[in-house]
Amino acid sequence: MLLPAASCEKILTRLDDHFGEKVPLEPPVKDAVSQYLLENGADRSSAKKAAKIVASLNGQIPLRVTEVPYIQKKHRKIFPEVFQRKAVGGLANCQACHRSAAQGHFSDRDVAIPQ
């Protein structure tokens, strides 16, 4: 996961206004989602990339993956025009370039930036 548990917890308390959308979840579903996110936050992972994410936060609790300093640093050399391409659609659309993003894999080897 690309966010720490504290970020997930903060997001879950704001589901009535989740980036302008209401996310209605029945209590059992919300509990299950909450448990998963809190147990699998970047700060609970042994993955090297998760450790880099957590170290970059310096106590911050970002609400978006695009606010994580490590993520921003990894993408700093990409021209802003690339993120404006229709096929990319912005930094938040990980799957546009990271072919294994759906499986939670963000290896530099699996990157293919669409035209």
PDB file of N, CA and C in Angstrom:
ATOM      1  N   MET A   1       0.842  -1.171   0.000  1.00  0.00           N
ATOM      2  CA  MET A   1       0.000   0.000   0.000  1.00  0.00           C
ATOM      3  C   MET A   1       0.890   1.238   0.000  1.00  0.00           C
ATOM      4  N   LEU A   2       0.423   2.289  -0.598  1.00  0.00           N
ATOM      5  CA  LEU A   2       1.222   3.491  -0.764  1.00  0.00           C
ATOM      6  C   LEU A   2       0.938   4.574   0.271  1.00  0.00           C
ATOM      7  N   LEU A   3       0.007   4.322   1.177  1.00  0.00           N
ATOM      8  CA  LEU A   3      -0.298   5.270   2.249  1.00  0.00           C
ATOM      9  C   LEU A   3      -0.133   4.584   3.596  1.00  0.00           C
ATOM     10  N   PRO A   4       0.231   5.343   4.629  1.00  0.00           N
ATOM     11  CA  PRO A   4       0.325   4.747   5.962  1.00  0.00           C
ATOM     12  C   PRO A   4      -1.067   4.540   6.555  1.00  0.00           C
ATOM     13  N   ALA A   5      -1.141   3.730   7.586  1.00  0.00           N
ATOM     14  CA  ALA A   5      -2.422   3.432   8.237  1.00  0.00           C
ATOM     15  C   ALA A   5      -3.116   4.703   8.717  1.00  0.00           C
ATOM     16  N   ALA A   6      -2.365   5.675   9.224  1.00  0.00           N
ATOM     17  CA  ALA A   6      -2.973   6.926   9.714  1.00  0.00           C
ATOM     18  C   ALA A   6      -3.708   7.665   8.603  1.00  0.00           C
ATOM     19  N   SER A   7      -3.175   7.609   7.397  1.00  0.00           N
ATOM     20  CA  SER A   7      -3.855   8.235   6.256  1.00  0.00           C
ATOM     21  C   SER A   7      -5.165   7.514   5.963  1.00  0.00           C
ATOM     22  N   CYS A   8      -5.109   6.188   5.968  1.00  0.00           N
ATOM     23  CA  CYS A   8      -6.313   5.389   5.705  1.00  0.00           C
ATOM     24  C   CYS A   8      -7.376   5.675   6.756  1.00  0.00           C
ATOM     25  N   GLU A   9      -6.948   5.750   7.992  1.00  0.00           N
ATOM     26  CA  GLU A   9      -7.883   6.020   9.085  1.00  0.00           C
ATOM     27  C   GLU A   9      -8.541   7.380   8.903  1.00  0.00           C
ATOM     28  N   LYS A  10      -7.756   8.366   8.533  1.00  0.00           N
ATOM     29  CA  LYS A  10      -8.272   9.716   8.315  1.00  0.00           C
ATOM     30  C   LYS A  10      -9.267   9.732   7.145  1.00  0.00           C
ATOM     31  N   ILE A  11      -8.936   9.032   6.086  1.00  0.00           N
ATOM     32  CA  ILE A  11      -9.812   8.953   4.912  1.00  0.00           C
ATOM     33  C   ILE A  11     -11.133   8.283   5.280  1.00  0.00           C
ATOM     34  N   LEU A  12     -11.060   7.220   6.064  1.00  0.00           N
ATOM     35  CA  LEU A  12     -12.267   6.479   6.445  1.00  0.00           C
ATOM     36  C   LEU A  12     -13.212   7.293   7.315  1.00  0.00           C
ATOM     37  N   THR A  13     -12.705   8.292   8.010  1.00  0.00           N
ATOM     38  CA  THR A  13     -13.580   9.141   8.832  1.00  0.00           C
ATOM     39  C   THR A  13     -14.281  10.209   7.995  1.00  0.00           C
ATOM     40  N   ARG A  14     -13.896  10.314   6.727  1.00  0.00           N
ATOM     41  CA  ARG A  14     -14.440  11.362   5.853  1.00  0.00           C
ATOM     42  C   ARG A  14     -15.163  10.799   4.634  1.00  0.00           C
ATOM     43  N   LEU A  15     -15.807   9.676   4.775  1.00  0.00           N
ATOM     44  CA  LEU A  15     -16.455   9.045   3.624  1.00  0.00           C
ATOM     45  C   LEU A  15     -17.693   9.798   3.143  1.00  0.00           C
ATOM     46  N   ASP A  16     -18.229  10.694   3.955  1.00  0.00           N
ATOM     47  CA  ASP A  16     -19.354  11.513   3.498  1.00  0.00           C
ATOM     48  C   ASP A  16     -18.899  12.566   2.490  1.00  0.00           C
ATOM     49  N   ASP A  17     -17.603  12.875   2.498  1.00  0.00           N
ATOM     50  CA  ASP A  17     -17.039  13.814   1.539  1.00  0.00           C
ATOM     51  C   ASP A  17     -15.654  13.324   1.145  1.00  0.00           C
ATOM     52  N   HIS A  18     -15.649  12.260   0.338  1.00  0.00           N
ATOM     53  CA  HIS A  18     -14.401  11.650  -0.126  1.00  0.00           C
ATOM     54  C   HIS A  18     -14.020  12.298  -1.448  1.00  0.00           C
ATOM     55  N   PHE A  19     -13.282  13.395  -1.357  1.00  0.00           N
ATOM     56  CA  PHE A  19     -12.873  14.156  -2.538  1.00  0.00           C
ATOM     57  C   PHE A  19     -14.081  14.556  -3.387  1.00  0.00           C
ATOM     58  N   GLY A  20     -15.118  15.042  -2.706  1.00  0.00           N
ATOM     59  CA  GLY A  20     -16.305  15.529  -3.390  1.00  0.00           C
ATOM     60  C   GLY A  20     -17.375  14.479  -3.633  1.00  0.00           C
ATOM     61  N   GLU A  21     -17.125  13.260  -3.257  1.00  0.00           N
ATOM     62  CA  GLU A  21     -18.087  12.171  -3.455  1.00  0.00           C
ATOM     63  C   GLU A  21     -18.473  11.569  -2.105  1.00  0.00           C
ATOM     64  N   LYS A  22     -19.704  11.092  -2.018  1.00  0.00           N
ATOM     65  CA  LYS A  22     -20.141  10.366  -0.836  1.00  0.00           C
ATOM     66  C   LYS A  22     -19.914   8.876  -1.079  1.00  0.00           C
ATOM     67  N   VAL A  23     -19.288   8.217  -0.120  1.00  0.00           N
ATOM     68  CA  VAL A  23     -19.006   6.785  -0.241  1.00  0.00           C
ATOM     69  C   VAL A  23     -19.819   6.053   0.832  1.00  0.00           C
ATOM     70  N   PRO A  24     -21.013   5.618   0.467  1.00  0.00           N
ATOM     71  CA  PRO A  24     -21.850   4.932   1.459  1.00  0.00           C
ATOM     72  C   PRO A  24     -21.417   3.470   1.626  1.00  0.00           C
ATOM     73  N   LEU A  25     -21.026   3.110   2.818  1.00  0.00           N
ATOM     74  CA  LEU A  25     -20.649   1.731   3.104  1.00  0.00           C
ATOM     75  C   LEU A  25     -21.457   1.226   4.295  1.00  0.00           C
ATOM     76  N   GLU A  26     -21.991   0.052   4.142  1.00  0.00           N
ATOM     77  CA  GLU A  26     -22.690  -0.581   5.264  1.00  0.00           C
ATOM     78  C   GLU A  26     -21.660  -0.863   6.358  1.00  0.00           C
ATOM     79  N   PRO A  27     -22.059  -0.798   7.625  1.00  0.00           N
ATOM     80  CA  PRO A  27     -21.099  -0.996   8.721  1.00  0.00           C
ATOM     81  C   PRO A  27     -20.208  -2.239   8.606  1.00  0.00           C
ATOM     82  N   PRO A  28     -20.743  -3.412   8.234  1.00  0.00           N
ATOM     83  CA  PRO A  28     -19.835  -4.564   8.136  1.00  0.00           C
ATOM     84  C   PRO A  28     -18.787  -4.394   7.032  1.00  0.00           C
ATOM     85  N   VAL A  29     -19.181  -3.773   5.927  1.00  0.00           N
ATOM     86  CA  VAL A  29     -18.256  -3.543   4.820  1.00  0.00           C
ATOM     87  C   VAL A  29     -17.205  -2.513   5.236  1.00  0.00           C
ATOM     88  N   LYS A  30     -17.666  -1.433   5.859  1.00  0.00           N
ATOM     89  CA  LYS A  30     -16.729  -0.401   6.318  1.00  0.00           C
ATOM     90  C   LYS A  30     -15.735  -0.986   7.318  1.00  0.00           C
ATOM     91  N   ASP A  31     -16.200  -1.831   8.210  1.00  0.00           N
ATOM     92  CA  ASP A  31     -15.316  -2.466   9.198  1.00  0.00           C
ATOM     93  C   ASP A  31     -14.276  -3.345   8.516  1.00  0.00           C
ATOM     94  N   ALA A  32     -14.690  -4.104   7.529  1.00  0.00           N
ATOM     95  CA  ALA A  32     -13.764  -4.990   6.813  1.00  0.00           C
ATOM     96  C   ALA A  32     -12.730  -4.175   6.032  1.00  0.00           C
ATOM     97  N   VAL A  33     -13.189  -3.133   5.346  1.00  0.00           N
ATOM     98  CA  VAL A  33     -12.283  -2.273   4.585  1.00  0.00           C
ATOM     99  C   VAL A  33     -11.308  -1.594   5.547  1.00  0.00           C
ATOM    100  N   SER A  34     -11.825  -1.085   6.633  1.00  0.00           N
ATOM    101  CA  SER A  34     -11.004  -0.418   7.639  1.00  0.00           C
ATOM    102  C   SER A  34      -9.931  -1.353   8.180  1.00  0.00           C
ATOM    103  N   GLN A  35     -10.318  -2.545   8.538  1.00  0.00           N
ATOM    104  CA  GLN A  35      -9.375  -3.512   9.082  1.00  0.00           C
ATOM    105  C   GLN A  35      -8.269  -3.813   8.070  1.00  0.00           C
ATOM    106  N   TYR A  36      -8.657  -4.041   6.827  1.00  0.00           N
ATOM    107  CA  TYR A  36      -7.667  -4.341   5.787  1.00  0.00           C
ATOM    108  C   TYR A  36      -6.688  -3.180   5.616  1.00  0.00           C
ATOM    109  N   LEU A  37      -7.224  -1.967   5.469  1.00  0.00           N
ATOM    110  CA  LEU A  37      -6.369  -0.812   5.226  1.00  0.00           C
ATOM    111  C   LEU A  37      -5.436  -0.535   6.401  1.00  0.00           C
ATOM    112  N   LEU A  38      -5.957  -0.642   7.604  1.00  0.00           N
ATOM    113  CA  LEU A  38      -5.136  -0.368   8.778  1.00  0.00           C
ATOM    114  C   LEU A  38      -4.055  -1.428   8.975  1.00  0.00           C
ATOM    115  N   GLU A  39      -4.356  -2.660   8.621  1.00  0.00           N
ATOM    116  CA  GLU A  39      -3.364  -3.739   8.761  1.00  0.00           C
ATOM    117  C   GLU A  39      -2.329  -3.727   7.651  1.00  0.00           C
ATOM    118  N   ASN A  40      -2.643  -3.075   6.528  1.00  0.00           N
ATOM    119  CA  ASN A  40      -1.764  -3.131   5.363  1.00  0.00           C
ATOM    120  C   ASN A  40      -1.192  -1.784   4.946  1.00  0.00           C
ATOM    121  N   GLY A  41      -1.244  -0.812   5.831  1.00  0.00           N
ATOM    122  CA  GLY A  41      -0.671   0.492   5.538  1.00  0.00           C
ATOM    123  C   GLY A  41       0.822   0.385   5.284  1.00  0.00           C
ATOM    124  N   ALA A  42       1.380   1.378   4.619  1.00  0.00           N
ATOM    125  CA  ALA A  42       2.811   1.373   4.309  1.00  0.00           C
ATOM    126  C   ALA A  42       3.660   1.241   5.564  1.00  0.00           C
ATOM    127  N   ASP A  43       3.189   1.799   6.661  1.00  0.00           N
ATOM    128  CA  ASP A  43       3.947   1.732   7.914  1.00  0.00           C
ATOM    129  C   ASP A  43       3.879   0.365   8.581  1.00  0.00           C
ATOM    130  N   ARG A  44       3.068  -0.525   8.061  1.00  0.00           N
ATOM    131  CA  ARG A  44       2.945  -1.879   8.606  1.00  0.00           C
ATOM    132  C   ARG A  44       3.584  -2.925   7.689  1.00  0.00           C
ATOM    133  N   SER A  45       4.173  -2.466   6.604  1.00  0.00           N
ATOM    134  CA  SER A  45       4.738  -3.365   5.600  1.00  0.00           C
ATOM    135  C   SER A  45       6.242  -3.535   5.793  1.00  0.00           C
ATOM    136  N   SER A  46       6.743  -4.672   5.387  1.00  0.00           N
ATOM    137  CA  SER A  46       8.184  -4.917   5.429  1.00  0.00           C
ATOM    138  C   SER A  46       8.841  -4.646   4.069  1.00  0.00           C
ATOM    139  N   ALA A  47       8.056  -4.203   3.103  1.00  0.00           N
ATOM    140  CA  ALA A  47       8.581  -3.921   1.767  1.00  0.00           C
ATOM    141  C   ALA A  47       9.517  -2.707   1.795  1.00  0.00           C
ATOM    142  N   LYS A  48      10.565  -2.767   1.003  1.00  0.00           N
ATOM    143  CA  LYS A  48      11.536  -1.669   0.947  1.00  0.00           C
ATOM    144  C   LYS A  48      10.887  -0.360   0.506  1.00  0.00           C
ATOM    145  N   LYS A  49      10.026  -0.460  -0.494  1.00  0.00           N
ATOM    146  CA  LYS A  49       9.359   0.740  -1.001  1.00  0.00           C
ATOM    147  C   LYS A  49       8.469   1.371   0.073  1.00  0.00           C
ATOM    148  N   ALA A  50       7.814   0.552   0.876  1.00  0.00           N
ATOM    149  CA  ALA A  50       6.968   1.060   1.957  1.00  0.00           C
ATOM    150  C   ALA A  50       7.810   1.817   2.981  1.00  0.00           C
ATOM    151  N   ALA A  51       8.984   1.290   3.293  1.00  0.00           N
ATOM    152  CA  ALA A  51       9.878   1.961   4.240  1.00  0.00           C
ATOM    153  C   ALA A  51      10.313   3.318   3.695  1.00  0.00           C
ATOM    154  N   LYS A  52      10.558   3.392   2.392  1.00  0.00           N
ATOM    155  CA  LYS A  52      10.936   4.666   1.772  1.00  0.00           C
ATOM    156  C   LYS A  52       9.778   5.657   1.811  1.00  0.00           C
ATOM    157  N   ILE A  53       8.583   5.157   1.602  1.00  0.00           N
ATOM    158  CA  ILE A  53       7.390   6.015   1.668  1.00  0.00           C
ATOM    159  C   ILE A  53       7.253   6.596   3.067  1.00  0.00           C
ATOM    160  N   VAL A  54       7.313   5.750   4.064  1.00  0.00           N
ATOM    161  CA  VAL A  54       7.142   6.185   5.454  1.00  0.00           C
ATOM    162  C   VAL A  54       8.243   7.163   5.849  1.00  0.00           C
ATOM    163  N   ALA A  55       9.477   6.869   5.475  1.00  0.00           N
ATOM    164  CA  ALA A  55      10.591   7.760   5.814  1.00  0.00           C
ATOM    165  C   ALA A  55      10.420   9.141   5.193  1.00  0.00           C
ATOM    166  N   SER A  56       9.802   9.203   4.019  1.00  0.00           N
ATOM    167  CA  SER A  56       9.627  10.491   3.337  1.00  0.00           C
ATOM    168  C   SER A  56       8.551  11.367   3.968  1.00  0.00           C
ATOM    169  N   LEU A  57       7.687  10.775   4.778  1.00  0.00           N
ATOM    170  CA  LEU A  57       6.534  11.508   5.306  1.00  0.00           C
ATOM    171  C   LEU A  57       6.881  12.523   6.398  1.00  0.00           C
ATOM    172  N   ASN A  58       7.914  12.248   7.166  1.00  0.00           N
ATOM    173  CA  ASN A  58       8.283  13.157   8.259  1.00  0.00           C
ATOM    174  C   ASN A  58       7.094  13.549   9.127  1.00  0.00           C
ATOM    175  N   GLY A  59       6.268  12.577   9.466  1.00  0.00           N
ATOM    176  CA  GLY A  59       5.121  12.823  10.341  1.00  0.00           C
ATOM    177  C   GLY A  59       3.864  13.304   9.637  1.00  0.00           C
ATOM    178  N   GLN A  60       3.935  13.563   8.349  1.00  0.00           N
ATOM    179  CA  GLN A  60       2.756  14.004   7.602  1.00  0.00           C
ATOM    180  C   GLN A  60       1.753  12.857   7.480  1.00  0.00           C
ATOM    181  N   ILE A  61       0.498  13.211   7.338  1.00  0.00           N
ATOM    182  CA  ILE A  61      -0.556  12.228   7.101  1.00  0.00           C
ATOM    183  C   ILE A  61      -1.260  12.622   5.805  1.00  0.00           C
ATOM    184  N   PRO A  62      -0.712  12.202   4.673  1.00  0.00           N
ATOM    185  CA  PRO A  62      -1.310  12.592   3.397  1.00  0.00           C
ATOM    186  C   PRO A  62      -2.644  11.884   3.152  1.00  0.00           C
ATOM    187  N   LEU A  63      -3.526  12.573   2.458  1.00  0.00           N
ATOM    188  CA  LEU A  63      -4.813  11.985   2.109  1.00  0.00           C
ATOM    189  C   LEU A  63      -4.818  11.415   0.703  1.00  0.00           C
ATOM    190  N   ARG A  64      -3.812  11.747  -0.061  1.00  0.00           N
ATOM    191  CA  ARG A  64      -3.709  11.276  -1.443  1.00  0.00           C
ATOM    192  C   ARG A  64      -2.317  10.691  -1.684  1.00  0.00           C
ATOM    193  N   VAL A  65      -2.245   9.702  -2.498  1.00  0.00           N
ATOM    194  CA  VAL A  65      -0.961   9.110  -2.863  1.00  0.00           C
ATOM    195  C   VAL A  65      -0.082  10.173  -3.519  1.00  0.00           C
ATOM    196  N   THR A  66      -0.697  11.073  -4.264  1.00  0.00           N
ATOM    197  CA  THR A  66       0.058  12.115  -4.960  1.00  0.00           C
ATOM    198  C   THR A  66       0.693  13.120  -3.999  1.00  0.00           C
ATOM    199  N   GLU A  67       0.330  13.084  -2.721  1.00  0.00           N
ATOM    200  CA  GLU A  67       0.914  13.977  -1.717  1.00  0.00           C
ATOM    201  C   GLU A  67       2.097  13.333  -0.986  1.00  0.00           C
ATOM    202  N   VAL A  68       2.396  12.097  -1.278  1.00  0.00           N
ATOM    203  CA  VAL A  68       3.494  11.393  -0.614  1.00  0.00           C
ATOM    204  C   VAL A  68       4.816  11.878  -1.219  1.00  0.00           C
ATOM    205  N   PRO A  69       5.702  12.458  -0.394  1.00  0.00           N
ATOM    206  CA  PRO A  69       6.968  12.980  -0.926  1.00  0.00           C
ATOM    207  C   PRO A  69       7.779  11.966  -1.730  1.00  0.00           C
ATOM    208  N   TYR A  70       7.818  10.721  -1.304  1.00  0.00           N
ATOM    209  CA  TYR A  70       8.567   9.700  -2.057  1.00  0.00           C
ATOM    210  C   TYR A  70       7.986   9.526  -3.457  1.00  0.00           C
ATOM    211  N   ILE A  71       6.674   9.511  -3.570  1.00  0.00           N
ATOM    212  CA  ILE A  71       6.015   9.362  -4.879  1.00  0.00           C
ATOM    213  C   ILE A  71       6.333  10.579  -5.750  1.00  0.00           C
ATOM    214  N   GLN A  72       6.244  11.765  -5.161  1.00  0.00           N
ATOM    215  CA  GLN A  72       6.558  12.984  -5.905  1.00  0.00           C
ATOM    216  C   GLN A  72       8.009  12.956  -6.400  1.00  0.00           C
ATOM    217  N   LYS A  73       8.921  12.526  -5.543  1.00  0.00           N
ATOM    218  CA  LYS A  73      10.339  12.466  -5.910  1.00  0.00           C
ATOM    219  C   LYS A  73      10.573  11.481  -7.058  1.00  0.00           C
ATOM    220  N   LYS A  74       9.917  10.325  -7.010  1.00  0.00           N
ATOM    221  CA  LYS A  74      10.092   9.320  -8.054  1.00  0.00           C
ATOM    222  C   LYS A  74       9.599   9.812  -9.422  1.00  0.00           C
ATOM    223  N   HIS A  75       8.713  10.797  -9.426  1.00  0.00           N
ATOM    224  CA  HIS A  75       8.129  11.279 -10.675  1.00  0.00           C
ATOM    225  C   HIS A  75       8.648  12.663 -11.080  1.00  0.00           C
ATOM    226  N   ARG A  76       9.613  13.194 -10.363  1.00  0.00           N
ATOM    227  CA  ARG A  76      10.064  14.577 -10.580  1.00  0.00           C
ATOM    228  C   ARG A  76      10.691  14.817 -11.952  1.00  0.00           C
ATOM    229  N   LYS A  77      11.262  13.796 -12.553  1.00  0.00           N
ATOM    230  CA  LYS A  77      11.925  13.970 -13.851  1.00  0.00           C
ATOM    231  C   LYS A  77      10.973  13.822 -15.037  1.00  0.00           C
ATOM    232  N   ILE A  78       9.738  13.530 -14.753  1.00  0.00           N
ATOM    233  CA  ILE A  78       8.748  13.388 -15.832  1.00  0.00           C
ATOM    234  C   ILE A  78       8.166  14.768 -16.121  1.00  0.00           C
ATOM    235  N   PHE A  79       8.213  15.150 -17.369  1.00  0.00           N
ATOM    236  CA  PHE A  79       7.708  16.463 -17.760  1.00  0.00           C
ATOM    237  C   PHE A  79       6.215  16.591 -17.432  1.00  0.00           C
ATOM    238  N   PRO A  80       5.784  17.750 -16.942  1.00  0.00           N
ATOM    239  CA  PRO A  80       4.364  17.958 -16.603  1.00  0.00           C
ATOM    240  C   PRO A  80       3.416  17.667 -17.766  1.00  0.00           C
ATOM    241  N   GLU A  81       3.888  17.875 -18.983  1.00  0.00           N
ATOM    242  CA  GLU A  81       3.050  17.624 -20.166  1.00  0.00           C
ATOM    243  C   GLU A  81       2.635  16.155 -20.261  1.00  0.00           C
ATOM    244  N   VAL A  82       3.492  15.272 -19.758  1.00  0.00           N
ATOM    245  CA  VAL A  82       3.187  13.840 -19.802  1.00  0.00           C
ATOM    246  C   VAL A  82       1.924  13.552 -18.977  1.00  0.00           C
ATOM    247  N   PHE A  83       1.809  14.176 -17.819  1.00  0.00           N
ATOM    248  CA  PHE A  83       0.651  13.948 -16.958  1.00  0.00           C
ATOM    249  C   PHE A  83      -0.625  14.542 -17.539  1.00  0.00           C
ATOM    250  N   GLN A  84      -0.469  15.467 -18.475  1.00  0.00           N
ATOM    251  CA  GLN A  84      -1.637  16.094 -19.103  1.00  0.00           C
ATOM    252  C   GLN A  84      -2.149  15.305 -20.303  1.00  0.00           C
ATOM    253  N   ARG A  85      -1.409  14.326 -20.736  1.00  0.00           N
ATOM    254  CA  ARG A  85      -1.860  13.501 -21.854  1.00  0.00           C
ATOM    255  C   ARG A  85      -3.160  12.791 -21.485  1.00  0.00           C
ATOM    256  N   LYS A  86      -4.038  12.691 -22.451  1.00  0.00           N
ATOM    257  CA  LYS A  86      -5.319  12.038 -22.219  1.00  0.00           C
ATOM    258  C   LYS A  86      -5.139  10.597 -21.734  1.00  0.00           C
ATOM    259  N   ALA A  87      -4.180   9.894 -22.276  1.00  0.00           N
ATOM    260  CA  ALA A  87      -3.939   8.492 -21.905  1.00  0.00           C
ATOM    261  C   ALA A  87      -3.362   8.352 -20.498  1.00  0.00           C
ATOM    262  N   VAL A  88      -2.787   9.428 -19.960  1.00  0.00           N
ATOM    263  CA  VAL A  88      -2.208   9.382 -18.611  1.00  0.00           C
ATOM    264  C   VAL A  88      -3.198   9.963 -17.611  1.00  0.00           C
ATOM    265  N   GLY A  89      -3.619  11.197 -17.830  1.00  0.00           N
ATOM    266  CA  GLY A  89      -4.663  11.786 -17.004  1.00  0.00           C
ATOM    267  C   GLY A  89      -4.243  12.270 -15.629  1.00  0.00           C
ATOM    268  N   GLY A  90      -2.953  12.319 -15.347  1.00  0.00           N
ATOM    269  CA  GLY A  90      -2.486  12.854 -14.069  1.00  0.00           C
ATOM    270  C   GLY A  90      -1.701  11.848 -13.251  1.00  0.00           C
ATOM    271  N   LEU A  91      -1.042  12.354 -12.227  1.00  0.00           N
ATOM    272  CA  LEU A  91      -0.198  11.533 -11.370  1.00  0.00           C
ATOM    273  C   LEU A  91      -1.000  10.497 -10.592  1.00  0.00           C
ATOM    274  N   ALA A  92      -2.259  10.753 -10.336  1.00  0.00           N
ATOM    275  CA  ALA A  92      -3.082   9.820  -9.561  1.00  0.00           C
ATOM    276  C   ALA A  92      -3.493   8.576 -10.350  1.00  0.00           C
ATOM    277  N   ASN A  93      -3.346   8.599 -11.654  1.00  0.00           N
ATOM    278  CA  ASN A  93      -3.734   7.461 -12.488  1.00  0.00           C
ATOM    279  C   ASN A  93      -2.545   6.517 -12.661  1.00  0.00           C
ATOM    280  N   CYS A  94      -2.173   5.845 -11.602  1.00  0.00           N
ATOM    281  CA  CYS A  94      -0.985   4.978 -11.589  1.00  0.00           C
ATOM    282  C   CYS A  94      -1.013   3.931 -12.694  1.00  0.00           C
ATOM    283  N   GLN A  95      -2.193   3.360 -12.938  1.00  0.00           N
ATOM    284  CA  GLN A  95      -2.308   2.265 -13.910  1.00  0.00           C
ATOM    285  C   GLN A  95      -2.009   2.690 -15.341  1.00  0.00           C
ATOM    286  N   ALA A  96      -2.032   4.002 -15.597  1.00  0.00           N
ATOM    287  CA  ALA A  96      -1.745   4.456 -16.953  1.00  0.00           C
ATOM    288  C   ALA A  96      -0.318   4.097 -17.376  1.00  0.00           C
ATOM    289  N   CYS A  97       0.611   4.153 -16.438  1.00  0.00           N
ATOM    290  CA  CYS A  97       2.023   3.896 -16.761  1.00  0.00           C
ATOM    291  C   CYS A  97       2.586   2.653 -16.079  1.00  0.00           C
ATOM    292  N   HIS A  98       2.102   2.369 -14.890  1.00  0.00           N
ATOM    293  CA  HIS A  98       2.577   1.211 -14.137  1.00  0.00           C
ATOM    294  C   HIS A  98       1.692   0.014 -14.475  1.00  0.00           C
ATOM    295  N   ARG A  99       2.178  -0.842 -15.357  1.00  0.00           N
ATOM    296  CA  ARG A  99       1.366  -1.948 -15.873  1.00  0.00           C
ATOM    297  C   ARG A  99       0.929  -2.940 -14.803  1.00  0.00           C
ATOM    298  N   SER A 100       1.644  -3.013 -13.691  1.00  0.00           N
ATOM    299  CA  SER A 100       1.297  -3.961 -12.626  1.00  0.00           C
ATOM    300  C   SER A 100       0.695  -3.265 -11.409  1.00  0.00           C
ATOM    301  N   ALA A 101       0.240  -2.033 -11.570  1.00  0.00           N
ATOM    302  CA  ALA A 101      -0.310  -1.270 -10.441  1.00  0.00           C
ATOM    303  C   ALA A 101      -1.521  -1.962  -9.819  1.00  0.00           C
ATOM    304  N   ALA A 102      -2.352  -2.588 -10.625  1.00  0.00           N
ATOM    305  CA  ALA A 102      -3.547  -3.262 -10.103  1.00  0.00           C
ATOM    306  C   ALA A 102      -3.192  -4.389  -9.141  1.00  0.00           C
ATOM    307  N   GLN A 103      -2.001  -4.936  -9.314  1.00  0.00           N
ATOM    308  CA  GLN A 103      -1.540  -6.010  -8.423  1.00  0.00           C
ATOM    309  C   GLN A 103      -0.690  -5.449  -7.275  1.00  0.00           C
ATOM    310  N   GLY A 104      -0.578  -4.123  -7.210  1.00  0.00           N
ATOM    311  CA  GLY A 104       0.197  -3.496  -6.146  1.00  0.00           C
ATOM    312  C   GLY A 104       1.693  -3.463  -6.401  1.00  0.00           C
ATOM    313  N   HIS A 105       2.097  -3.625  -7.658  1.00  0.00           N
ATOM    314  CA  HIS A 105       3.512  -3.625  -8.016  1.00  0.00           C
ATOM    315  C   HIS A 105       3.841  -2.361  -8.803  1.00  0.00           C
ATOM    316  N   PHE A 106       4.878  -1.662  -8.358  1.00  0.00           N
ATOM    317  CA  PHE A 106       5.237  -0.391  -8.985  1.00  0.00           C
ATOM    318  C   PHE A 106       6.710  -0.356  -9.372  1.00  0.00           C
ATOM    319  N   SER A 107       7.217  -1.452  -9.865  1.00  0.00           N
ATOM    320  CA  SER A 107       8.619  -1.544 -10.268  1.00  0.00           C
ATOM    321  C   SER A 107       8.875  -0.625 -11.457  1.00  0.00           C
ATOM    322  N   ASP A 108      10.041   0.005 -11.436  1.00  0.00           N
ATOM    323  CA  ASP A 108      10.428   0.857 -12.564  1.00  0.00           C
ATOM    324  C   ASP A 108      10.510   0.056 -13.861  1.00  0.00           C
ATOM    325  N   ARG A 109      10.759  -1.227 -13.763  1.00  0.00           N
ATOM    326  CA  ARG A 109      10.864  -2.091 -14.952  1.00  0.00           C
ATOM    327  C   ARG A 109       9.522  -2.280 -15.646  1.00  0.00           C
ATOM    328  N   ASP A 110       8.430  -2.082 -14.928  1.00  0.00           N
ATOM    329  CA  ASP A 110       7.102  -2.297 -15.503  1.00  0.00           C
ATOM    330  C   ASP A 110       6.438  -1.011 -15.984  1.00  0.00           C
ATOM    331  N   VAL A 111       7.205   0.037 -16.126  1.00  0.00           N
ATOM    332  CA  VAL A 111       6.645   1.320 -16.540  1.00  0.00           C
ATOM    333  C   VAL A 111       6.647   1.438 -18.067  1.00  0.00           C
ATOM    334  N   ALA A 112       5.497   1.848 -18.583  1.00  0.00           N
ATOM    335  CA  ALA A 112       5.354   2.137 -20.007  1.00  0.00           C
ATOM    336  C   ALA A 112       4.485   3.401 -20.107  1.00  0.00           C
ATOM    337  N   ILE A 113       5.097   4.504 -20.440  1.00  0.00           N
ATOM    338  CA  ILE A 113       4.370   5.775 -20.488  1.00  0.00           C
ATOM    339  C   ILE A 113       3.662   5.888 -21.835  1.00  0.00           C
ATOM    340  N   PRO A 114       2.326   5.970 -21.804  1.00  0.00           N
ATOM    341  CA  PRO A 114       1.568   6.076 -23.056  1.00  0.00           C
ATOM    342  C   PRO A 114       1.741   7.425 -23.747  1.00  0.00           C
ATOM    343  N   GLN A 115       1.573   7.390 -25.039  1.00  0.00           N
ATOM    344  CA  GLN A 115       1.695   8.636 -25.846  1.00  0.00           C
ATOM    345  C   GLN A 115       0.439   9.439 -25.827  1.00  0.00           C
TER     346      GLN A 115
END
